[in-house]
Amino acid sequence: MLRAPFAHYAAPPMDDATAQRIARRLLGWYERHGRDLPWRRHPTPYRVWVSEVMLQQTVVATVIPYFERWMERFPDVESVARADEREVLAAWEGLGYYQRARRLHRAARRLMWEHEGRLPASEAALRRLPGVGPYIAAAILSIAFGQDVVALDANVVRVFMRLTATPGRGTEAGVRRRVRDRARAGLPPGRAAAYNQALMDFGSLVCRPRAPLCEECLLREECEAFRRGMQYDIPKPTRRKLTAIRTAVAVLVQDDRVYIQQRPTGGLFAGLWEFPGGKAHPDETPRQALRRECREELGVDCAPGRKLAELTHYYTVFQVRLHAFLCPPPEGLPLDSTHRWVPLEELDDYPMPSANRQVVQALEQL
């Protein structure tokens, strides 16, 4: 099948009747194949909100156990608002993108002050909450409150970009306007929750980002991208180059206590706890980097002992190779609100980046 060059191609517009026919097919598919997810079984505004915040930048399979544990620990807005930040971050640990948890915490407190602990049923009021953008507001309004609005997540955008053969990237304003218009045209009154969730599941399970299952797709006869052989080119792929970083940390143990420090309140992993250390310069070995970092951060000389762990961790644009060394505790370690000795069995109470938590697990196995 020949592919038309994007520069000279304009897809025919999808009319409202076609959009509505697609919606009916999707709703039938969703009844048979929709995912059984814990937040869908009892879709209160609070549960929908928490699930959507967790699902930002995180796959469903990872979110499910976190969501279930969160609901046990924080069953309602009030329980989140009453918790301190360290409790919230500890419950979030491992999900990454920790600003999501901080904003959720701040939003819960605002809900207690301004809305008696209940999420409001208006877009304007929801959008005033920290961390609630257009998509999360629309998801809450449609799924929890039954309002006829389209929740435009990456899956929905991709599905309609392919159905209409709209080139470009899903983040482009013109693309999103076109997609939103067609998605709204198909929205069946009174069924926004099922419609939005059908589109989300269809985009996740069938119209997948890199390997769409076109041969199994019930919409392929309606899909302009499939008809023209453009389904693998839409949306335009984004290629990110990972920056490789080497880091080294000191694991200081004394009388079954471990020395840790708290990261600054701004930047990556703000406010989380970690082992002392940092990034190696290109011309340094991990051991050399560790001694330099301890002098700069703590004002002491750490003599790296045997290696406790070496692991690779991936972030959005970084590949980090972390080297953890057991070190004899030097004299003069700072002790204050951000530097402390913690009993090994209490380290679970201190939220840490995932790589540091893996070092703790290695330490527990000694």
Protein backbone atom coordinates (compact mmCIF):
# COMPACT_ATOMS: atom_id res chain seq x y z
CA MET A 1 0.00 0.00 0.00
CA LEU A 2 1.44 3.36 -1.05
CA ARG A 3 1.83 6.14 1.46
CA ALA A 4 0.99 9.69 0.53
CA PRO A 5 3.51 12.30 1.65
CA PHE A 6 2.14 14.30 4.57
CA ALA A 7 3.12 17.64 3.05
CA HIS A 8 0.59 17.20 0.19
CA TYR A 9 -2.11 15.30 2.02
CA ALA A 10 -5.31 16.52 3.61
CA ALA A 11 -7.59 13.83 4.98
CA PRO A 12 -11.28 14.15 4.18
CA PRO A 13 -13.21 15.42 7.21
CA MET A 14 -15.01 12.89 9.39
CA ASP A 15 -18.69 13.78 9.46
CA ASP A 16 -20.83 13.61 12.59
CA ALA A 17 -22.67 10.48 11.47
CA THR A 18 -19.36 8.62 11.11
CA ALA A 19 -18.18 9.83 14.53
CA GLN A 20 -21.43 8.58 16.09
CA ARG A 21 -21.19 5.22 14.31
CA ILE A 22 -17.65 4.82 15.64
CA ALA A 23 -18.89 5.64 19.15
CA ARG A 24 -21.58 2.92 18.99
CA ARG A 25 -19.03 0.33 17.88
CA LEU A 26 -16.61 1.36 20.60
CA LEU A 27 -19.25 1.13 23.30
CA GLY A 28 -20.15 -2.39 22.16
CA TRP A 29 -16.47 -3.35 22.17
CA TYR A 30 -16.02 -1.84 25.64
CA GLU A 31 -18.87 -3.88 27.09
CA ARG A 32 -17.04 -7.05 26.00
CA HIS A 33 -13.38 -6.08 26.41
CA GLY A 34 -13.15 -3.15 28.84
CA ARG A 35 -10.55 -3.57 31.58
CA ASP A 36 -11.68 -4.41 35.10
CA LEU A 37 -9.79 -1.76 37.07
CA PRO A 38 -10.23 -1.08 40.80
CA TRP A 39 -11.10 2.61 40.40
CA ARG A 40 -13.86 1.72 37.92
CA ARG A 41 -15.68 -0.57 40.35
CA HIS A 42 -16.64 2.32 42.62
CA PRO A 43 -15.96 5.53 40.67
CA THR A 44 -16.35 8.21 43.32
CA PRO A 45 -14.87 11.63 42.49
CA TYR A 46 -12.03 11.03 44.97
CA ARG A 47 -11.13 7.59 43.57
CA VAL A 48 -11.25 8.81 39.96
CA TRP A 49 -9.07 11.80 40.86
CA VAL A 50 -6.41 9.73 42.63
CA SER A 51 -6.31 7.13 39.85
CA GLU A 52 -5.91 9.76 37.14
CA VAL A 53 -3.10 11.50 39.01
CA MET A 54 -1.30 8.17 39.44
CA LEU A 55 -1.81 7.24 35.79
CA GLN A 56 0.03 10.33 34.56
CA GLN A 57 3.31 9.07 33.04
CA THR A 58 2.72 5.61 34.58
CA VAL A 59 1.29 2.40 33.08
CA VAL A 60 -1.89 0.81 34.43
CA ALA A 61 -0.23 -2.41 35.65
CA THR A 62 2.14 -0.40 37.86
CA VAL A 63 -0.61 1.83 39.23
CA ILE A 64 -3.07 -0.88 40.37
CA PRO A 65 -1.22 -2.05 43.53
CA TYR A 66 -0.28 1.52 44.45
CA PHE A 67 -3.90 2.63 44.10
CA GLU A 68 -5.16 -0.21 46.27
CA ARG A 69 -2.58 0.47 49.00
CA TRP A 70 -3.30 4.20 48.81
CA MET A 71 -7.02 3.64 49.34
CA GLU A 72 -6.32 1.51 52.38
CA ARG A 73 -4.08 4.22 53.85
CA PHE A 74 -6.01 7.27 52.58
CA PRO A 75 -9.66 6.33 51.99
CA ASP A 76 -10.87 9.90 51.53
CA VAL A 77 -9.80 13.50 51.00
CA GLU A 78 -9.70 14.23 54.73
CA SER A 79 -7.19 11.44 55.45
CA VAL A 80 -4.82 12.82 52.79
CA ALA A 81 -5.20 16.38 54.06
CA ARG A 82 -4.44 15.36 57.66
CA ALA A 83 -1.29 13.41 56.72
CA ASP A 84 2.10 15.11 56.66
CA GLU A 85 4.06 15.25 53.43
CA ARG A 86 6.47 12.49 54.45
CA GLU A 87 3.56 10.05 54.88
CA VAL A 88 2.16 10.97 51.48
CA LEU A 89 5.52 10.62 49.74
CA ALA A 90 6.18 7.29 51.47
CA ALA A 91 2.88 5.94 50.12
CA TRP A 92 3.83 7.26 46.67
CA GLU A 93 7.39 5.90 46.71
CA GLY A 94 8.27 4.02 43.53
CA LEU A 95 5.67 5.72 41.31
CA GLY A 96 8.08 8.54 40.46
CA TYR A 97 7.22 12.10 39.39
CA TYR A 98 6.80 13.01 43.05
CA GLN A 99 5.42 16.45 42.33
CA ARG A 100 2.17 14.66 41.52
CA ALA A 101 1.92 13.48 45.13
CA ARG A 102 2.81 16.89 46.54
CA ARG A 103 0.16 18.61 44.41
CA LEU A 104 -2.43 16.02 45.37
CA HIS A 105 -1.60 16.63 49.03
CA ARG A 106 -1.93 20.40 48.63
CA ALA A 107 -5.16 19.96 46.69
CA ALA A 108 -6.64 17.76 49.43
CA ARG A 109 -5.95 20.47 52.00
CA ARG A 110 -7.53 23.09 49.77
CA LEU A 111 -10.59 20.86 49.32
CA MET A 112 -10.96 20.71 53.10
CA TRP A 113 -10.71 24.49 53.41
CA GLU A 114 -12.86 25.46 50.44
CA HIS A 115 -15.19 22.53 49.64
CA GLU A 116 -15.68 20.63 52.92
CA GLY A 117 -13.55 17.77 51.64
CA ARG A 118 -15.58 17.12 48.47
CA LEU A 119 -14.43 17.49 44.90
CA PRO A 120 -16.51 20.14 43.09
CA ALA A 121 -18.58 19.27 40.03
CA SER A 122 -17.47 22.24 37.94
CA GLU A 123 -14.50 22.47 35.60
CA ALA A 124 -13.51 25.94 36.81
CA ALA A 125 -13.38 24.85 40.45
CA LEU A 126 -11.51 21.64 39.66
CA ARG A 127 -8.95 23.50 37.55
CA ARG A 128 -8.11 25.70 40.53
CA LEU A 129 -6.82 22.66 42.43
CA PRO A 130 -3.04 22.03 42.27
CA GLY A 131 -2.20 19.44 39.63
CA VAL A 132 -5.65 19.34 38.01
CA GLY A 133 -5.43 20.22 34.32
CA PRO A 134 -7.99 19.95 31.50
CA TYR A 135 -7.74 16.17 31.15
CA ILE A 136 -8.05 15.23 34.84
CA ALA A 137 -10.92 17.70 35.27
CA ALA A 138 -12.74 16.18 32.29
CA ALA A 139 -12.13 12.64 33.55
CA ILE A 140 -13.61 13.49 36.98
CA LEU A 141 -16.60 15.31 35.49
CA SER A 142 -17.44 12.56 32.99
CA ILE A 143 -16.62 9.39 34.96
CA ALA A 144 -17.60 10.45 38.49
CA PHE A 145 -20.27 13.10 37.83
CA GLY A 146 -21.70 11.79 34.54
CA GLN A 147 -21.27 15.07 32.67
CA ASP A 148 -21.10 15.02 28.87
CA VAL A 149 -17.49 16.06 28.36
CA VAL A 150 -14.65 14.42 26.43
CA ALA A 151 -11.51 13.47 28.39
CA LEU A 152 -8.69 13.95 25.92
CA ASP A 153 -5.75 11.77 27.02
CA ALA A 154 -2.92 10.49 24.82
CA ASN A 155 -4.85 7.36 23.88
CA VAL A 156 -7.91 9.30 22.73
CA VAL A 157 -5.78 11.73 20.76
CA ARG A 158 -3.93 8.90 19.01
CA VAL A 159 -7.12 7.02 18.11
CA PHE A 160 -8.71 10.04 16.46
CA MET A 161 -5.47 11.15 14.80
CA ARG A 162 -5.37 7.77 13.07
CA LEU A 163 -9.08 7.64 12.29
CA THR A 164 -8.81 11.04 10.59
CA ALA A 165 -5.23 10.56 9.30
CA THR A 166 -4.13 13.76 11.03
CA PRO A 167 -0.33 14.07 10.80
CA GLY A 168 1.86 15.71 13.41
CA ARG A 169 2.18 15.22 17.15
CA GLY A 170 -0.61 14.90 19.65
CA THR A 171 0.70 17.86 21.65
CA GLU A 172 0.16 20.34 18.80
CA ALA A 173 -2.70 22.77 19.41
CA GLY A 174 -4.18 22.41 15.91
CA VAL A 175 -4.11 18.62 16.13
CA ARG A 176 -5.82 18.63 19.52
CA ARG A 177 -8.55 21.01 18.30
CA ARG A 178 -9.36 18.72 15.38
CA VAL A 179 -9.33 15.61 17.56
CA ARG A 180 -11.47 17.23 20.26
CA ASP A 181 -14.04 18.31 17.67
CA ARG A 182 -14.43 14.78 16.26
CA ALA A 183 -14.46 13.14 19.70
CA ARG A 184 -17.20 15.53 20.82
CA ALA A 185 -19.22 14.82 17.69
CA GLY A 186 -19.33 11.13 18.63
CA LEU A 187 -20.10 11.61 22.33
CA PRO A 188 -23.40 9.84 23.13
CA PRO A 189 -25.45 11.93 25.58
CA GLY A 190 -25.50 10.45 29.05
CA ARG A 191 -22.75 7.92 28.31
CA ALA A 192 -19.60 10.01 28.60
CA ALA A 193 -18.05 7.77 31.27
CA ALA A 194 -18.31 4.62 29.14
CA TYR A 195 -17.35 6.51 25.96
CA ASN A 196 -14.20 8.05 27.43
CA GLN A 197 -13.10 4.82 29.08
CA ALA A 198 -13.81 2.86 25.89
CA LEU A 199 -11.54 5.20 23.95
CA MET A 200 -8.83 4.94 26.63
CA ASP A 201 -8.93 1.14 26.61
CA PHE A 202 -9.14 0.92 22.83
CA GLY A 203 -6.08 3.14 22.48
CA SER A 204 -4.18 1.14 25.09
CA LEU A 205 -5.14 -2.36 23.93
CA VAL A 206 -5.74 -2.10 20.16
CA CYS A 207 -4.71 1.24 18.65
CA ARG A 208 -1.39 1.05 20.47
CA PRO A 209 1.39 3.64 20.09
CA ARG A 210 4.05 1.60 18.28
CA ALA A 211 2.35 -1.62 17.24
CA PRO A 212 -1.35 -1.05 16.48
CA LEU A 213 -3.34 -4.27 16.08
CA CYS A 214 -4.93 -3.18 12.82
CA GLU A 215 -5.81 -6.72 11.70
CA GLU A 216 -7.94 -7.14 14.84
CA CYS A 217 -9.40 -3.64 14.81
CA LEU A 218 -13.18 -3.24 14.51
CA LEU A 219 -12.67 0.32 13.24
CA ARG A 220 -10.19 -0.32 10.45
CA GLU A 221 -12.83 0.24 7.76
CA GLU A 222 -13.41 3.69 9.24
CA CYS A 223 -9.70 4.43 9.70
CA GLU A 224 -8.24 6.81 7.14
CA ALA A 225 -4.68 6.18 8.35
CA PHE A 226 -5.08 2.41 7.86
CA ARG A 227 -6.62 2.94 4.44
CA ARG A 228 -3.59 4.95 3.35
CA GLY A 229 -0.98 2.82 5.18
CA MET A 230 -0.07 5.72 7.49
CA GLN A 231 -0.94 4.13 10.83
CA TYR A 232 2.71 3.62 11.82
CA ASP A 233 3.57 7.25 11.07
CA ILE A 234 0.74 8.79 13.10
CA PRO A 235 1.34 10.34 15.55
CA LYS A 236 4.81 11.45 14.52
CA PRO A 237 7.22 9.58 16.81
CA THR A 238 9.27 11.47 19.35
CA ARG A 239 12.80 10.17 19.77
CA ARG A 240 14.57 10.97 23.00
CA LYS A 241 18.24 10.37 23.59
CA LEU A 242 19.06 9.20 27.10
CA THR A 243 21.96 10.91 28.84
CA ALA A 244 24.20 8.41 30.65
CA ILE A 245 25.19 9.44 34.19
CA ARG A 246 27.38 7.69 36.76
CA THR A 247 26.73 8.28 40.45
CA ALA A 248 28.27 7.01 43.68
CA VAL A 249 26.78 6.93 47.19
CA ALA A 250 28.15 6.21 50.66
CA VAL A 251 26.34 3.69 52.84
CA LEU A 252 27.33 4.57 56.41
CA VAL A 253 26.23 2.10 59.10
CA GLN A 254 26.79 2.36 62.85
CA ASP A 255 25.07 0.35 65.60
CA ASP A 256 22.33 -0.83 63.19
CA ARG A 257 21.64 2.75 62.20
CA VAL A 258 22.09 4.20 58.70
CA TYR A 259 23.07 7.74 57.83
CA ILE A 260 20.82 9.47 55.29
CA GLN A 261 20.20 13.00 54.11
CA GLN A 262 17.22 14.87 52.68
CA ARG A 263 17.33 16.37 49.22
CA PRO A 264 16.62 20.10 48.74
CA THR A 265 13.01 21.24 48.42
CA GLY A 266 13.45 22.11 44.74
CA GLY A 267 14.60 20.08 41.75
CA LEU A 268 14.64 16.36 41.05
CA PHE A 269 13.31 14.16 43.91
CA ALA A 270 12.71 17.27 46.01
CA GLY A 271 12.42 16.50 49.71
CA LEU A 272 13.13 12.75 49.40
CA TRP A 273 15.79 11.02 51.49
CA GLU A 274 18.95 9.46 50.08
CA PHE A 275 22.44 8.23 50.80
CA PRO A 276 25.17 10.88 50.58
CA GLY A 277 26.99 11.08 47.27
CA GLY A 278 26.49 12.41 43.78
CA LYS A 279 27.43 12.48 40.14
CA ALA A 280 30.86 11.48 38.88
CA HIS A 281 32.79 13.77 36.57
CA PRO A 282 33.85 12.24 33.23
CA ASP A 283 37.46 11.84 34.40
CA GLU A 284 36.61 10.34 37.83
CA THR A 285 36.16 6.79 39.01
CA PRO A 286 33.09 6.19 41.22
CA ARG A 287 35.34 5.95 44.30
CA GLN A 288 37.03 9.25 43.50
CA ALA A 289 33.67 10.88 42.89
CA LEU A 290 32.34 9.64 46.21
CA ARG A 291 35.24 11.11 48.22
CA ARG A 292 34.87 14.45 46.45
CA GLU A 293 31.09 14.55 46.90
CA CYS A 294 31.35 13.76 50.63
CA ARG A 295 33.91 16.53 51.11
CA GLU A 296 31.69 19.00 49.23
CA GLU A 297 28.34 17.95 50.74
CA LEU A 298 29.26 16.90 54.26
CA GLY A 299 32.69 18.40 54.91
CA VAL A 300 34.17 14.97 55.77
CA ASP A 301 36.43 12.44 54.09
CA CYS A 302 34.66 9.15 53.33
CA ALA A 303 36.91 6.21 52.52
CA PRO A 304 34.95 3.90 50.18
CA GLY A 305 35.04 0.28 51.32
CA ARG A 306 33.63 -2.71 49.49
CA LYS A 307 30.93 -2.20 46.90
CA LEU A 308 27.47 -3.01 48.23
CA ALA A 309 25.49 -2.62 45.01
CA GLU A 310 25.75 -1.49 41.41
CA LEU A 311 22.57 -0.90 39.45
CA THR A 312 21.15 0.92 36.47
CA HIS A 313 18.04 3.06 36.73
CA TYR A 314 16.13 4.84 33.98
CA TYR A 315 14.36 8.18 34.18
CA THR A 316 12.65 10.22 31.46
CA VAL A 317 15.86 11.47 29.83
CA PHE A 318 18.58 9.87 31.99
CA GLN A 319 20.21 6.49 32.36
CA VAL A 320 21.85 6.39 35.78
CA ARG A 321 24.50 3.86 36.81
CA LEU A 322 24.66 3.95 40.58
CA HIS A 323 27.58 2.56 42.63
CA ALA A 324 26.94 2.10 46.37
CA PHE A 325 29.91 1.61 48.71
CA LEU A 326 29.97 0.61 52.36
CA CYS A 327 32.06 3.23 54.16
CA PRO A 328 33.32 3.49 57.74
CA PRO A 329 31.53 6.48 59.32
CA PRO A 330 33.97 9.42 59.55
CA GLU A 331 34.06 11.92 62.39
CA GLY A 332 32.20 15.18 61.99
CA LEU A 333 29.11 14.09 60.03
CA PRO A 334 26.48 16.85 60.19
CA LEU A 335 23.39 16.09 62.27
CA ASP A 336 20.37 18.33 61.76
CA SER A 337 16.84 18.25 60.32
CA THR A 338 18.11 17.09 56.91
CA HIS A 339 20.93 14.74 58.08
CA ARG A 340 20.23 11.95 60.53
CA TRP A 341 20.98 8.44 61.72
CA VAL A 342 17.97 6.17 61.24
CA PRO A 343 17.52 2.60 62.51
CA LEU A 344 17.62 0.20 59.60
CA GLU A 345 14.13 -1.11 60.35
CA GLU A 346 12.70 2.44 60.20
CA LEU A 347 14.03 3.35 56.75
CA ASP A 348 10.69 2.40 55.19
CA ASP A 349 9.25 5.49 56.86
CA TYR A 350 11.55 7.75 54.84
CA PRO A 351 10.52 8.20 51.19
CA MET A 352 13.45 7.59 48.82
CA PRO A 353 14.09 7.50 45.07
CA SER A 354 13.77 3.95 43.74
CA ALA A 355 17.50 3.45 43.20
CA ASN A 356 18.25 4.34 46.82
CA ARG A 357 15.52 1.97 47.99
CA GLN A 358 17.24 -0.83 46.09
CA VAL A 359 20.44 -0.03 47.99
CA VAL A 360 18.46 -0.37 51.24
CA GLN A 361 17.25 -3.78 50.10
CA ALA A 362 20.87 -4.82 49.39
CA LEU A 363 21.85 -3.60 52.86
CA GLU A 364 19.08 -5.63 54.50
CA GLN A 365 20.41 -8.78 52.87
CA LEU A 366 23.86 -8.51 54.49
